[in-house]
Amino acid sequence: MPTAPPREMPVQQHAALDEEERAARTITYGVGLVAGAVVLVLIIVVCARLVG
């Protein structure tokens, strides 16, 4: 049984893809900064409790 030839891929809009990737990177950096700040505060609290 022969298979059908592959279909044409849709045209990509490179400018729109670049903008979406830029926005996703900004969100990722923001989440990383918030997570880092939370970890830093937790470390400070744990160290303060051990010392005090």
PDB file of N, CA and C in Angstrom:
ATOM      1  N   MET A   1       0.847  -1.177   0.000  1.00  0.00           N
ATOM      2  CA  MET A   1       0.000   0.000   0.000  1.00  0.00           C
ATOM      3  C   MET A   1       0.897   1.247   0.000  1.00  0.00           C
ATOM      4  N   PRO A   2       0.853   2.053  -1.024  1.00  0.00           N
ATOM      5  CA  PRO A   2       1.715   3.240  -1.095  1.00  0.00           C
ATOM      6  C   PRO A   2       1.234   4.323  -0.126  1.00  0.00           C
ATOM      7  N   THR A   3       2.189   5.068   0.359  1.00  0.00           N
ATOM      8  CA  THR A   3       1.847   6.159   1.274  1.00  0.00           C
ATOM      9  C   THR A   3       1.737   7.466   0.495  1.00  0.00           C
ATOM     10  N   ALA A   4       0.979   8.388   1.062  1.00  0.00           N
ATOM     11  CA  ALA A   4       0.799   9.694   0.424  1.00  0.00           C
ATOM     12  C   ALA A   4       2.068  10.535   0.598  1.00  0.00           C
ATOM     13  N   PRO A   5       2.358  11.390  -0.339  1.00  0.00           N
ATOM     14  CA  PRO A   5       3.528  12.252  -0.177  1.00  0.00           C
ATOM     15  C   PRO A   5       3.311  13.243   0.976  1.00  0.00           C
ATOM     16  N   PRO A   6       4.377  13.720   1.585  1.00  0.00           N
ATOM     17  CA  PRO A   6       4.211  14.640   2.709  1.00  0.00           C
ATOM     18  C   PRO A   6       3.553  15.944   2.265  1.00  0.00           C
ATOM     19  N   ARG A   7       2.817  16.536   3.190  1.00  0.00           N
ATOM     20  CA  ARG A   7       2.126  17.791   2.885  1.00  0.00           C
ATOM     21  C   ARG A   7       3.103  18.960   2.959  1.00  0.00           C
ATOM     22  N   GLU A   8       2.713  20.072   2.367  1.00  0.00           N
ATOM     23  CA  GLU A   8       3.508  21.307   2.444  1.00  0.00           C
ATOM     24  C   GLU A   8       3.441  21.856   3.860  1.00  0.00           C
ATOM     25  N   MET A   9       4.568  22.306   4.358  1.00  0.00           N
ATOM     26  CA  MET A   9       4.598  22.941   5.672  1.00  0.00           C
ATOM     27  C   MET A   9       4.068  24.367   5.546  1.00  0.00           C
ATOM     28  N   PRO A  10       3.364  24.862   6.577  1.00  0.00           N
ATOM     29  CA  PRO A  10       2.885  26.240   6.503  1.00  0.00           C
ATOM     30  C   PRO A  10       4.056  27.223   6.571  1.00  0.00           C
ATOM     31  N   VAL A  11       3.862  28.388   6.011  1.00  0.00           N
ATOM     32  CA  VAL A  11       4.909  29.416   6.020  1.00  0.00           C
ATOM     33  C   VAL A  11       5.080  29.936   7.444  1.00  0.00           C
ATOM     34  N   GLN A  12       6.318  30.064   7.879  1.00  0.00           N
ATOM     35  CA  GLN A  12       6.597  30.572   9.220  1.00  0.00           C
ATOM     36  C   GLN A  12       6.783  32.079   9.178  1.00  0.00           C
ATOM     37  N   GLN A  13       6.275  32.726  10.187  1.00  0.00           N
ATOM     38  CA  GLN A  13       6.441  34.176  10.319  1.00  0.00           C
ATOM     39  C   GLN A  13       7.587  34.412  11.296  1.00  0.00           C
ATOM     40  N   HIS A  14       8.766  34.621  10.765  1.00  0.00           N
ATOM     41  CA  HIS A  14       9.969  34.686  11.592  1.00  0.00           C
ATOM     42  C   HIS A  14       9.946  35.865  12.560  1.00  0.00           C
ATOM     43  N   ALA A  15       9.421  36.992  12.146  1.00  0.00           N
ATOM     44  CA  ALA A  15       9.376  38.156  13.035  1.00  0.00           C
ATOM     45  C   ALA A  15       8.484  37.870  14.237  1.00  0.00           C
ATOM     46  N   ALA A  16       7.342  37.239  14.008  1.00  0.00           N
ATOM     47  CA  ALA A  16       6.430  36.921  15.109  1.00  0.00           C
ATOM     48  C   ALA A  16       7.054  35.875  16.036  1.00  0.00           C
ATOM     49  N   LEU A  17       7.733  34.891  15.462  1.00  0.00           N
ATOM     50  CA  LEU A  17       8.394  33.878  16.287  1.00  0.00           C
ATOM     51  C   LEU A  17       9.491  34.503  17.151  1.00  0.00           C
ATOM     52  N   ASP A  18      10.267  35.407  16.571  1.00  0.00           N
ATOM     53  CA  ASP A  18      11.326  36.069  17.335  1.00  0.00           C
ATOM     54  C   ASP A  18      10.743  36.862  18.499  1.00  0.00           C
ATOM     55  N   GLU A  19       9.629  37.561  18.263  1.00  0.00           N
ATOM     56  CA  GLU A  19       9.004  38.349  19.323  1.00  0.00           C
ATOM     57  C   GLU A  19       8.467  37.448  20.435  1.00  0.00           C
ATOM     58  N   GLU A  20       7.861  36.332  20.075  1.00  0.00           N
ATOM     59  CA  GLU A  20       7.357  35.395  21.088  1.00  0.00           C
ATOM     60  C   GLU A  20       8.499  34.781  21.889  1.00  0.00           C
ATOM     61  N   GLU A  21       9.608  34.461  21.226  1.00  0.00           N
ATOM     62  CA  GLU A  21      10.757  33.913  21.942  1.00  0.00           C
ATOM     63  C   GLU A  21      11.353  34.951  22.890  1.00  0.00           C
ATOM     64  N   ARG A  22      11.381  36.207  22.457  1.00  0.00           N
ATOM     65  CA  ARG A  22      11.897  37.275  23.313  1.00  0.00           C
ATOM     66  C   ARG A  22      11.020  37.440  24.560  1.00  0.00           C
ATOM     67  N   ALA A  23       9.704  37.396  24.373  1.00  0.00           N
ATOM     68  CA  ALA A  23       8.785  37.515  25.508  1.00  0.00           C
ATOM     69  C   ALA A  23       8.929  36.325  26.456  1.00  0.00           C
ATOM     70  N   ALA A  24       9.075  35.129  25.901  1.00  0.00           N
ATOM     71  CA  ALA A  24       9.241  33.937  26.735  1.00  0.00           C
ATOM     72  C   ALA A  24      10.540  34.004  27.531  1.00  0.00           C
ATOM     73  N   ARG A  25      11.610  34.503  26.903  1.00  0.00           N
ATOM     74  CA  ARG A  25      12.881  34.630  27.610  1.00  0.00           C
ATOM     75  C   ARG A  25      12.762  35.628  28.756  1.00  0.00           C
ATOM     76  N   THR A  26      12.046  36.736  28.536  1.00  0.00           N
ATOM     77  CA  THR A  26      11.858  37.733  29.585  1.00  0.00           C
ATOM     78  C   THR A  26      11.102  37.136  30.770  1.00  0.00           C
ATOM     79  N   ILE A  27      10.057  36.365  30.480  1.00  0.00           N
ATOM     80  CA  ILE A  27       9.290  35.727  31.556  1.00  0.00           C
ATOM     81  C   ILE A  27      10.162  34.722  32.300  1.00  0.00           C
ATOM     82  N   THR A  28      10.951  33.957  31.566  1.00  0.00           N
ATOM     83  CA  THR A  28      11.828  32.969  32.200  1.00  0.00           C
ATOM     84  C   THR A  28      12.832  33.640  33.123  1.00  0.00           C
ATOM     85  N   TYR A  29      13.447  34.725  32.673  1.00  0.00           N
ATOM     86  CA  TYR A  29      14.388  35.448  33.524  1.00  0.00           C
ATOM     87  C   TYR A  29      13.687  36.015  34.756  1.00  0.00           C
ATOM     88  N   GLY A  30      12.477  36.519  34.581  1.00  0.00           N
ATOM     89  CA  GLY A  30      11.727  37.062  35.716  1.00  0.00           C
ATOM     90  C   GLY A  30      11.430  36.000  36.753  1.00  0.00           C
ATOM     91  N   VAL A  31      10.987  34.835  36.302  1.00  0.00           N
ATOM     92  CA  VAL A  31      10.697  33.737  37.228  1.00  0.00           C
ATOM     93  C   VAL A  31      11.979  33.294  37.931  1.00  0.00           C
ATOM     94  N   GLY A  32      13.068  33.242  37.194  1.00  0.00           N
ATOM     95  CA  GLY A  32      14.344  32.861  37.804  1.00  0.00           C
ATOM     96  C   GLY A  32      14.803  33.851  38.862  1.00  0.00           C
ATOM     97  N   LEU A  33      14.629  35.136  38.592  1.00  0.00           N
ATOM     98  CA  LEU A  33      15.011  36.152  39.576  1.00  0.00           C
ATOM     99  C   LEU A  33      14.166  36.053  40.844  1.00  0.00           C
ATOM    100  N   VAL A  34      12.870  35.836  40.679  1.00  0.00           N
ATOM    101  CA  VAL A  34      11.991  35.698  41.848  1.00  0.00           C
ATOM    102  C   VAL A  34      12.369  34.454  42.647  1.00  0.00           C
ATOM    103  N   ALA A  35      12.617  33.345  41.964  1.00  0.00           N
ATOM    104  CA  ALA A  35      12.997  32.114  42.653  1.00  0.00           C
ATOM    105  C   ALA A  35      14.326  32.297  43.388  1.00  0.00           C
ATOM    106  N   GLY A  36      15.276  32.971  42.754  1.00  0.00           N
ATOM    107  CA  GLY A  36      16.555  33.232  43.411  1.00  0.00           C
ATOM    108  C   GLY A  36      16.399  34.109  44.644  1.00  0.00           C
ATOM    109  N   ALA A  37      15.527  35.114  44.565  1.00  0.00           N
ATOM    110  CA  ALA A  37      15.299  35.989  45.711  1.00  0.00           C
ATOM    111  C   ALA A  37      14.663  35.214  46.864  1.00  0.00           C
ATOM    112  N   VAL A  38      13.728  34.326  46.551  1.00  0.00           N
ATOM    113  CA  VAL A  38      13.083  33.525  47.602  1.00  0.00           C
ATOM    114  C   VAL A  38      14.107  32.616  48.275  1.00  0.00           C
ATOM    115  N   VAL A  39      14.947  31.983  47.487  1.00  0.00           N
ATOM    116  CA  VAL A  39      15.979  31.101  48.060  1.00  0.00           C
ATOM    117  C   VAL A  39      16.942  31.910  48.936  1.00  0.00           C
ATOM    118  N   LEU A  40      17.328  33.082  48.474  1.00  0.00           N
ATOM    119  CA  LEU A  40      18.237  33.925  49.267  1.00  0.00           C
ATOM    120  C   LEU A  40      17.605  34.308  50.599  1.00  0.00           C
ATOM    121  N   VAL A  41      16.349  34.692  50.581  1.00  0.00           N
ATOM    122  CA  VAL A  41      15.659  35.047  51.833  1.00  0.00           C
ATOM    123  C   VAL A  41      15.577  33.833  52.752  1.00  0.00           C
ATOM    124  N   LEU A  42      15.269  32.668  52.205  1.00  0.00           N
ATOM    125  CA  LEU A  42      15.203  31.465  53.038  1.00  0.00           C
ATOM    126  C   LEU A  42      16.556  31.133  53.655  1.00  0.00           C
ATOM    127  N   ILE A  43      17.625  31.291  52.894  1.00  0.00           N
ATOM    128  CA  ILE A  43      18.962  31.035  53.441  1.00  0.00           C
ATOM    129  C   ILE A  43      19.277  32.010  54.569  1.00  0.00           C
ATOM    130  N   ILE A  44      18.937  33.263  54.380  1.00  0.00           N
ATOM    131  CA  ILE A  44      19.175  34.271  55.422  1.00  0.00           C
ATOM    132  C   ILE A  44      18.386  33.933  56.676  1.00  0.00           C
ATOM    133  N   VAL A  45      17.122  33.521  56.521  1.00  0.00           N
ATOM    134  CA  VAL A  45      16.288  33.189  57.678  1.00  0.00           C
ATOM    135  C   VAL A  45      16.854  31.975  58.401  1.00  0.00           C
ATOM    136  N   VAL A  46      17.273  30.963  57.667  1.00  0.00           N
ATOM    137  CA  VAL A  46      17.815  29.757  58.307  1.00  0.00           C
ATOM    138  C   VAL A  46      19.117  30.092  59.035  1.00  0.00           C
ATOM    139  N   CYS A  47      19.978  30.870  58.409  1.00  0.00           N
ATOM    140  CA  CYS A  47      21.232  31.250  59.065  1.00  0.00           C
ATOM    141  C   CYS A  47      20.979  32.108  60.306  1.00  0.00           C
ATOM    142  N   ALA A  48      20.013  33.005  60.230  1.00  0.00           N
ATOM    143  CA  ALA A  48      19.695  33.855  61.391  1.00  0.00           C
ATOM    144  C   ALA A  48      19.169  33.001  62.539  1.00  0.00           C
ATOM    145  N   ARG A  49      18.390  31.976  62.235  1.00  0.00           N
ATOM    146  CA  ARG A  49      17.867  31.129  63.302  1.00  0.00           C
ATOM    147  C   ARG A  49      18.967  30.269  63.919  1.00  0.00           C
ATOM    148  N   LEU A  50      19.939  29.857  63.099  1.00  0.00           N
ATOM    149  CA  LEU A  50      21.032  29.046  63.637  1.00  0.00           C
ATOM    150  C   LEU A  50      21.942  29.879  64.537  1.00  0.00           C
ATOM    151  N   VAL A  51      22.168  31.132  64.155  1.00  0.00           N
ATOM    152  CA  VAL A  51      23.050  32.007  64.933  1.00  0.00           C
ATOM    153  C   VAL A  51      22.348  32.501  66.198  1.00  0.00           C
ATOM    154  N   GLY A  52      21.091  32.862  66.048  1.00  0.00           N
ATOM    155  CA  GLY A  52      20.369  33.482  67.164  1.00  0.00           C
ATOM    156  C   GLY A  52      19.643  32.547  67.982  1.00  0.00           C
TER     157      GLY A  52
END
